[in-house]
């Protein structure tokens, strides 16, 4: 099932396959952004079992040139075996 089509979205998500580092409670994790919009993103991570719906994470999203990154906070909206979807806050 395509999870993007399961929810009504305010902003269209675009494919974005980039490795990221994100943090939760001062601990860092690895993952990758699979899709992103102005309102949120889907993060694939092998650490998904350490998170719950409602948790807040901080992402470090790399720019395409790789020299800088943008930090954004997001609240986990739902999870599956691959990762979780966040809404930016």
C-alpha atoms as a PDB file:
ATOM      1  CA  UNK A   1       0.000   0.000   0.000  1.00  0.00           C
ATOM      2  CA  UNK A   2       1.266   3.481  -0.813  1.00  0.00           C
ATOM      3  CA  UNK A   3       1.146   5.334   2.514  1.00  0.00           C
ATOM      4  CA  UNK A   4       1.337   8.735   0.795  1.00  0.00           C
ATOM      5  CA  UNK A   5      -2.036   8.091  -0.811  1.00  0.00           C
ATOM      6  CA  UNK A   6      -3.570   6.967   2.492  1.00  0.00           C
ATOM      7  CA  UNK A   7      -3.605  10.489   3.933  1.00  0.00           C
ATOM      8  CA  UNK A   8      -4.904  13.793   2.644  1.00  0.00           C
ATOM      9  CA  UNK A   9      -1.924  16.104   2.405  1.00  0.00           C
ATOM     10  CA  UNK A  10      -1.846  19.877   2.437  1.00  0.00           C
ATOM     11  CA  UNK A  11       1.421  19.849   0.456  1.00  0.00           C
ATOM     12  CA  UNK A  12       2.572  17.415  -2.212  1.00  0.00           C
ATOM     13  CA  UNK A  13       5.458  15.195  -1.179  1.00  0.00           C
ATOM     14  CA  UNK A  14       8.415  14.813  -3.519  1.00  0.00           C
ATOM     15  CA  UNK A  15      10.889  11.945  -3.694  1.00  0.00           C
ATOM     16  CA  UNK A  16      14.094  12.846  -1.925  1.00  0.00           C
ATOM     17  CA  UNK A  17      16.623  10.120  -1.237  1.00  0.00           C
ATOM     18  CA  UNK A  18      19.254  11.594   1.075  1.00  0.00           C
ATOM     19  CA  UNK A  19      21.058  10.203   4.088  1.00  0.00           C
ATOM     20  CA  UNK A  20      20.467  12.183   7.268  1.00  0.00           C
ATOM     21  CA  UNK A  21      21.282  12.289  10.937  1.00  0.00           C
ATOM     22  CA  UNK A  22      18.427  12.959  13.309  1.00  0.00           C
ATOM     23  CA  UNK A  23      18.222  13.230  17.062  1.00  0.00           C
ATOM     24  CA  UNK A  24      15.786  12.429  19.839  1.00  0.00           C
ATOM     25  CA  UNK A  25      16.482  13.050  23.538  1.00  0.00           C
ATOM     26  CA  UNK A  26      20.113  14.013  22.813  1.00  0.00           C
ATOM     27  CA  UNK A  27      20.845  10.734  21.011  1.00  0.00           C
ATOM     28  CA  UNK A  28      21.745  10.660  17.301  1.00  0.00           C
ATOM     29  CA  UNK A  29      20.414   8.185  14.723  1.00  0.00           C
ATOM     30  CA  UNK A  30      21.030   7.510  11.026  1.00  0.00           C
ATOM     31  CA  UNK A  31      18.325   7.370   8.421  1.00  0.00           C
ATOM     32  CA  UNK A  32      17.315   8.644   5.029  1.00  0.00           C
ATOM     33  CA  UNK A  33      14.583  10.947   3.819  1.00  0.00           C
ATOM     34  CA  UNK A  34      12.499   9.098   1.239  1.00  0.00           C
ATOM     35  CA  UNK A  35      10.067  11.929   0.491  1.00  0.00           C
ATOM     36  CA  UNK A  36       9.571  15.472   1.701  1.00  0.00           C
ATOM     37  CA  UNK A  37       7.210  18.448   1.458  1.00  0.00           C
ATOM     38  CA  UNK A  38       6.861  21.819   3.135  1.00  0.00           C
ATOM     39  CA  UNK A  39       4.731  20.126   5.793  1.00  0.00           C
ATOM     40  CA  UNK A  40       6.612  16.891   6.537  1.00  0.00           C
ATOM     41  CA  UNK A  41       8.708  13.942   5.456  1.00  0.00           C
ATOM     42  CA  UNK A  42       9.077  10.170   5.595  1.00  0.00           C
ATOM     43  CA  UNK A  43      12.251   8.977   7.325  1.00  0.00           C
ATOM     44  CA  UNK A  44      13.498   5.437   6.725  1.00  0.00           C
ATOM     45  CA  UNK A  45      15.591   4.115   9.612  1.00  0.00           C
ATOM     46  CA  UNK A  46      16.600   0.776  11.106  1.00  0.00           C
ATOM     47  CA  UNK A  47      16.015   2.364  14.548  1.00  0.00           C
ATOM     48  CA  UNK A  48      12.251   2.735  14.027  1.00  0.00           C
ATOM     49  CA  UNK A  49      11.464   0.441  16.972  1.00  0.00           C
ATOM     50  CA  UNK A  50      12.890   3.069  19.363  1.00  0.00           C
ATOM     51  CA  UNK A  51      10.206   5.668  18.532  1.00  0.00           C
ATOM     52  CA  UNK A  52       6.515   6.258  19.147  1.00  0.00           C
ATOM     53  CA  UNK A  53       3.816   8.319  17.515  1.00  0.00           C
ATOM     54  CA  UNK A  54       3.978  11.819  19.018  1.00  0.00           C
ATOM     55  CA  UNK A  55       7.757  11.793  19.618  1.00  0.00           C
ATOM     56  CA  UNK A  56       9.597  14.912  18.448  1.00  0.00           C
ATOM     57  CA  UNK A  57      12.810  14.501  16.450  1.00  0.00           C
ATOM     58  CA  UNK A  58      15.281  17.029  15.067  1.00  0.00           C
ATOM     59  CA  UNK A  59      16.514  16.431  11.513  1.00  0.00           C
ATOM     60  CA  UNK A  60      19.678  17.694   9.914  1.00  0.00           C
ATOM     61  CA  UNK A  61      18.710  17.854   6.222  1.00  0.00           C
ATOM     62  CA  UNK A  62      21.689  18.261   3.858  1.00  0.00           C
ATOM     63  CA  UNK A  63      21.604  20.736   0.987  1.00  0.00           C
ATOM     64  CA  UNK A  64      22.346  19.198  -2.398  1.00  0.00           C
ATOM     65  CA  UNK A  65      25.887  20.644  -2.410  1.00  0.00           C
ATOM     66  CA  UNK A  66      26.590  18.758   0.849  1.00  0.00           C
ATOM     67  CA  UNK A  67      28.340  21.699   2.494  1.00  0.00           C
ATOM     68  CA  UNK A  68      25.474  22.896   4.681  1.00  0.00           C
ATOM     69  CA  UNK A  69      22.379  21.474   6.261  1.00  0.00           C
ATOM     70  CA  UNK A  70      19.018  22.707   7.498  1.00  0.00           C
ATOM     71  CA  UNK A  71      17.758  21.739  10.948  1.00  0.00           C
ATOM     72  CA  UNK A  72      14.022  21.084  11.322  1.00  0.00           C
ATOM     73  CA  UNK A  73      11.953  19.626  14.134  1.00  0.00           C
ATOM     74  CA  UNK A  74       9.106  17.266  13.444  1.00  0.00           C
ATOM     75  CA  UNK A  75       6.482  15.266  15.338  1.00  0.00           C
ATOM     76  CA  UNK A  76       6.084  11.602  14.399  1.00  0.00           C
ATOM     77  CA  UNK A  77       2.595  11.059  12.983  1.00  0.00           C
ATOM     78  CA  UNK A  78       2.772   7.342  12.163  1.00  0.00           C
ATOM     79  CA  UNK A  79       5.284   4.495  11.934  1.00  0.00           C
ATOM     80  CA  UNK A  80       5.735   1.296   9.943  1.00  0.00           C
ATOM     81  CA  UNK A  81       8.496  -1.329   9.667  1.00  0.00           C
ATOM     82  CA  UNK A  82      10.582   0.925   7.397  1.00  0.00           C
ATOM     83  CA  UNK A  83      10.472   4.194   9.337  1.00  0.00           C
ATOM     84  CA  UNK A  84       8.141   7.019  10.257  1.00  0.00           C
ATOM     85  CA  UNK A  85       6.302  10.038   8.881  1.00  0.00           C
ATOM     86  CA  UNK A  86       6.773  13.404  10.557  1.00  0.00           C
ATOM     87  CA  UNK A  87       4.943  16.685  10.441  1.00  0.00           C
ATOM     88  CA  UNK A  88       7.299  19.663  10.704  1.00  0.00           C
ATOM     89  CA  UNK A  89       6.660  21.875  13.721  1.00  0.00           C
END
